[in-house]
Amino acid sequence: MHVRIQNANVEPVFFSYPADSGLDAIVSEVIKNEPEYDFVAEDGFGHALWVIGDPGTIRQITACFDQLPAFYIAAEHHRSAAAARVGEENMKANPQHCGEEEYNYFLAVVFPDNQLKIIDYNRVVKDLNGMTPEQLLEKLNENFSVELQGKEVYTPNKLHNFAMYLGGQWY
């Protein structure tokens, strides 16, 4: 809704791609230079931005991206869907549509997968719905394999694994 009302994408969609040594080499060369912008925001995080204006470098980057099998939406999939929906609405409402209008694009950032760390997405359970911790574990065992991991923080290390903290223990 905010994309339609503001007629703008105010935050980027976060994409990832399989790491590519050619792209890494280009980026390494670019960042040897001073950034165009370098500042610390009010939240304390630093930001450095390099502008690539050389047509040859842009062609090299484009060629590398053309060879990638896919981009993967890492976060904000709903924002890309909203941008596409609003873009289509604008296209239908524009009898002079040519494909170059701003509504055909949305803001995005893209990072190689080997430079990302997916952090835990945790939830807090307010109560056990009248069950004791033992009853909850028994109920969970009906659909999951629940294993005691101890008191040290446990972080799942493969797909379809979850961690649960209950009664001072990790499962």
Protein backbone atom coordinates (compact mmCIF):
# COMPACT_ATOMS: atom_id res chain seq x y z
CA MET A 1 0.00 0.00 0.00
CA HIS A 2 2.78 2.46 0.89
CA VAL A 3 4.42 1.88 -2.54
CA ARG A 4 1.17 2.87 -4.25
CA ILE A 5 0.48 5.89 -2.02
CA GLN A 6 4.04 7.25 -2.01
CA ASN A 7 4.68 6.19 -5.61
CA ALA A 8 8.15 5.18 -4.38
CA ASN A 9 10.13 2.30 -2.92
CA VAL A 10 11.72 3.71 0.21
CA GLU A 11 13.68 0.60 1.26
CA PRO A 12 15.53 -1.88 -0.94
CA VAL A 13 14.69 -5.50 -1.59
CA PHE A 14 17.59 -7.66 -0.41
CA PHE A 15 18.91 -10.15 -2.98
CA SER A 16 21.72 -12.68 -2.90
CA TYR A 17 23.50 -14.60 -5.64
CA PRO A 18 25.96 -17.49 -5.84
CA ALA A 19 29.41 -15.97 -5.27
CA ASP A 20 31.29 -15.11 -8.45
CA SER A 21 35.07 -14.59 -8.52
CA GLY A 22 34.80 -12.21 -11.50
CA LEU A 23 32.45 -9.89 -9.62
CA ASP A 24 34.59 -10.16 -6.50
CA ALA A 25 37.66 -9.07 -8.49
CA ILE A 26 35.84 -6.06 -9.96
CA VAL A 27 34.56 -4.97 -6.55
CA SER A 28 38.03 -5.38 -5.03
CA GLU A 29 39.45 -3.04 -7.66
CA VAL A 30 36.70 -0.45 -7.23
CA ILE A 31 37.01 -0.26 -3.44
CA LYS A 32 40.75 0.42 -3.64
CA ASN A 33 39.66 4.00 -4.42
CA GLU A 34 38.15 6.46 -1.97
CA PRO A 35 34.38 6.07 -1.64
CA GLU A 36 32.13 8.74 -3.08
CA TYR A 37 30.24 8.85 0.21
CA ASP A 38 31.51 7.76 3.61
CA PHE A 39 29.52 8.53 6.75
CA VAL A 40 28.22 7.21 10.03
CA ALA A 41 24.43 7.36 10.35
CA GLU A 42 22.54 8.39 13.48
CA ASP A 43 22.19 4.71 14.42
CA GLY A 44 25.99 4.40 14.64
CA PHE A 45 26.43 2.27 11.52
CA GLY A 46 28.99 3.35 8.96
CA HIS A 47 28.21 3.49 5.25
CA ALA A 48 30.69 3.74 2.39
CA LEU A 49 29.43 4.01 -1.20
CA TRP A 50 31.42 3.84 -4.41
CA VAL A 51 29.91 5.10 -7.67
CA ILE A 52 30.86 3.13 -10.76
CA GLY A 53 30.60 5.42 -13.77
CA ASP A 54 33.10 3.82 -16.14
CA PRO A 55 31.14 2.22 -19.04
CA GLY A 56 33.71 -0.58 -19.40
CA THR A 57 33.43 -1.57 -15.75
CA ILE A 58 29.65 -1.43 -15.97
CA ARG A 59 29.74 -3.76 -19.01
CA GLN A 60 31.99 -6.20 -17.11
CA ILE A 61 29.63 -6.22 -14.12
CA THR A 62 26.62 -6.67 -16.39
CA ALA A 63 28.33 -9.58 -18.17
CA CYS A 64 29.07 -11.28 -14.83
CA PHE A 65 25.48 -10.87 -13.66
CA ASP A 66 24.21 -12.20 -17.01
CA GLN A 67 26.09 -15.45 -16.31
CA LEU A 68 24.56 -16.01 -12.87
CA PRO A 69 21.91 -18.72 -12.66
CA ALA A 70 19.59 -16.67 -10.42
CA PHE A 71 19.13 -14.00 -7.80
CA TYR A 72 17.50 -15.09 -4.57
CA ILE A 73 15.28 -12.80 -2.53
CA ALA A 74 16.87 -12.85 0.90
CA ALA A 75 14.45 -10.40 2.51
CA GLU A 76 11.54 -8.14 1.65
CA HIS A 77 9.85 -10.39 -0.91
CA HIS A 78 6.59 -8.59 -0.19
CA ARG A 79 8.21 -5.30 -1.25
CA SER A 80 9.23 -6.67 -4.66
CA ALA A 81 5.73 -8.07 -5.16
CA ALA A 82 4.19 -4.70 -4.25
CA ALA A 83 6.54 -2.87 -6.62
CA ALA A 84 5.63 -5.25 -9.46
CA ARG A 85 1.91 -4.85 -8.76
CA VAL A 86 2.07 -1.04 -8.65
CA GLY A 87 4.30 -1.01 -11.75
CA GLU A 88 1.71 -3.03 -13.64
CA GLU A 89 -1.07 -0.69 -12.50
CA ASN A 90 0.96 2.33 -13.67
CA MET A 91 1.71 0.66 -16.99
CA LYS A 92 -1.98 -0.02 -17.65
CA ALA A 93 -2.83 3.59 -16.74
CA ASN A 94 -0.16 5.04 -19.05
CA PRO A 95 -1.16 5.02 -22.75
CA GLN A 96 2.39 6.17 -23.68
CA HIS A 97 4.09 3.33 -21.75
CA CYS A 98 7.48 2.52 -23.32
CA GLY A 99 9.20 0.41 -20.65
CA GLU A 100 11.69 3.04 -19.50
CA GLU A 101 9.46 4.64 -16.86
CA GLU A 102 10.63 4.64 -13.24
CA TYR A 103 7.70 2.48 -12.19
CA ASN A 104 9.32 -0.41 -14.11
CA TYR A 105 12.11 -0.60 -11.52
CA PHE A 106 12.47 -0.93 -7.77
CA LEU A 107 15.30 -0.33 -5.33
CA ALA A 108 17.39 -3.41 -4.55
CA VAL A 109 20.71 -4.43 -3.00
CA VAL A 110 22.53 -7.62 -3.88
CA PHE A 111 25.31 -9.50 -2.09
CA PRO A 112 27.19 -12.73 -2.83
CA ASP A 113 26.06 -15.65 -0.70
CA ASN A 114 29.53 -16.17 0.77
CA GLN A 115 29.38 -12.71 2.37
CA LEU A 116 26.11 -13.30 4.19
CA LYS A 117 25.31 -14.72 7.58
CA ILE A 118 21.76 -15.77 8.16
CA ILE A 119 20.94 -15.05 11.78
CA ASP A 120 18.42 -16.81 13.94
CA TYR A 121 14.81 -15.76 13.56
CA ASN A 122 13.57 -16.37 17.08
CA ARG A 123 10.13 -16.37 18.61
CA VAL A 124 9.12 -16.14 22.25
CA VAL A 125 6.30 -18.31 23.57
CA LYS A 126 4.42 -16.42 26.23
CA ASP A 127 2.96 -19.48 27.96
CA LEU A 128 2.64 -23.22 27.48
CA ASN A 129 -1.16 -23.14 27.11
CA GLY A 130 -1.71 -24.95 30.41
CA MET A 131 0.91 -27.64 29.77
CA THR A 132 3.93 -28.42 31.89
CA PRO A 133 7.32 -28.32 30.15
CA GLU A 134 7.30 -32.14 30.15
CA GLN A 135 3.85 -32.24 28.50
CA LEU A 136 4.98 -29.75 25.86
CA LEU A 137 8.04 -31.86 25.06
CA GLU A 138 5.83 -34.94 24.80
CA LYS A 139 3.45 -33.13 22.46
CA LEU A 140 6.34 -31.85 20.31
CA ASN A 141 7.72 -35.40 20.05
CA GLU A 142 4.56 -36.37 18.14
CA ASN A 143 5.79 -34.40 15.11
CA PHE A 144 9.45 -33.62 15.81
CA SER A 145 12.55 -35.36 17.02
CA VAL A 146 13.32 -33.45 20.21
CA GLU A 147 16.81 -33.87 21.64
CA LEU A 148 18.24 -32.26 24.76
CA GLN A 149 21.31 -30.14 23.84
CA GLY A 150 22.23 -28.85 27.30
CA LYS A 151 22.66 -25.41 28.84
CA GLU A 152 25.01 -23.93 26.21
CA VAL A 153 23.31 -21.93 23.44
CA TYR A 154 22.40 -24.29 20.62
CA THR A 155 22.19 -23.00 17.06
CA PRO A 156 20.77 -25.27 14.35
CA ASN A 157 23.31 -26.04 11.65
CA LYS A 158 21.23 -27.52 8.85
CA LEU A 159 17.93 -27.16 7.05
CA HIS A 160 14.77 -28.20 8.93
CA ASN A 161 16.48 -28.06 12.34
CA PHE A 162 15.12 -25.80 15.06
CA ALA A 163 16.29 -24.79 18.50
CA MET A 164 14.11 -24.32 21.55
CA TYR A 165 15.03 -22.93 24.97
CA LEU A 166 12.82 -24.34 27.70
CA GLY A 167 13.33 -24.50 31.43
CA GLY A 168 16.98 -23.46 31.28
CA GLN A 169 17.85 -26.09 28.66
CA TRP A 170 18.29 -26.05 24.87
CA TYR A 171 16.52 -28.64 22.73
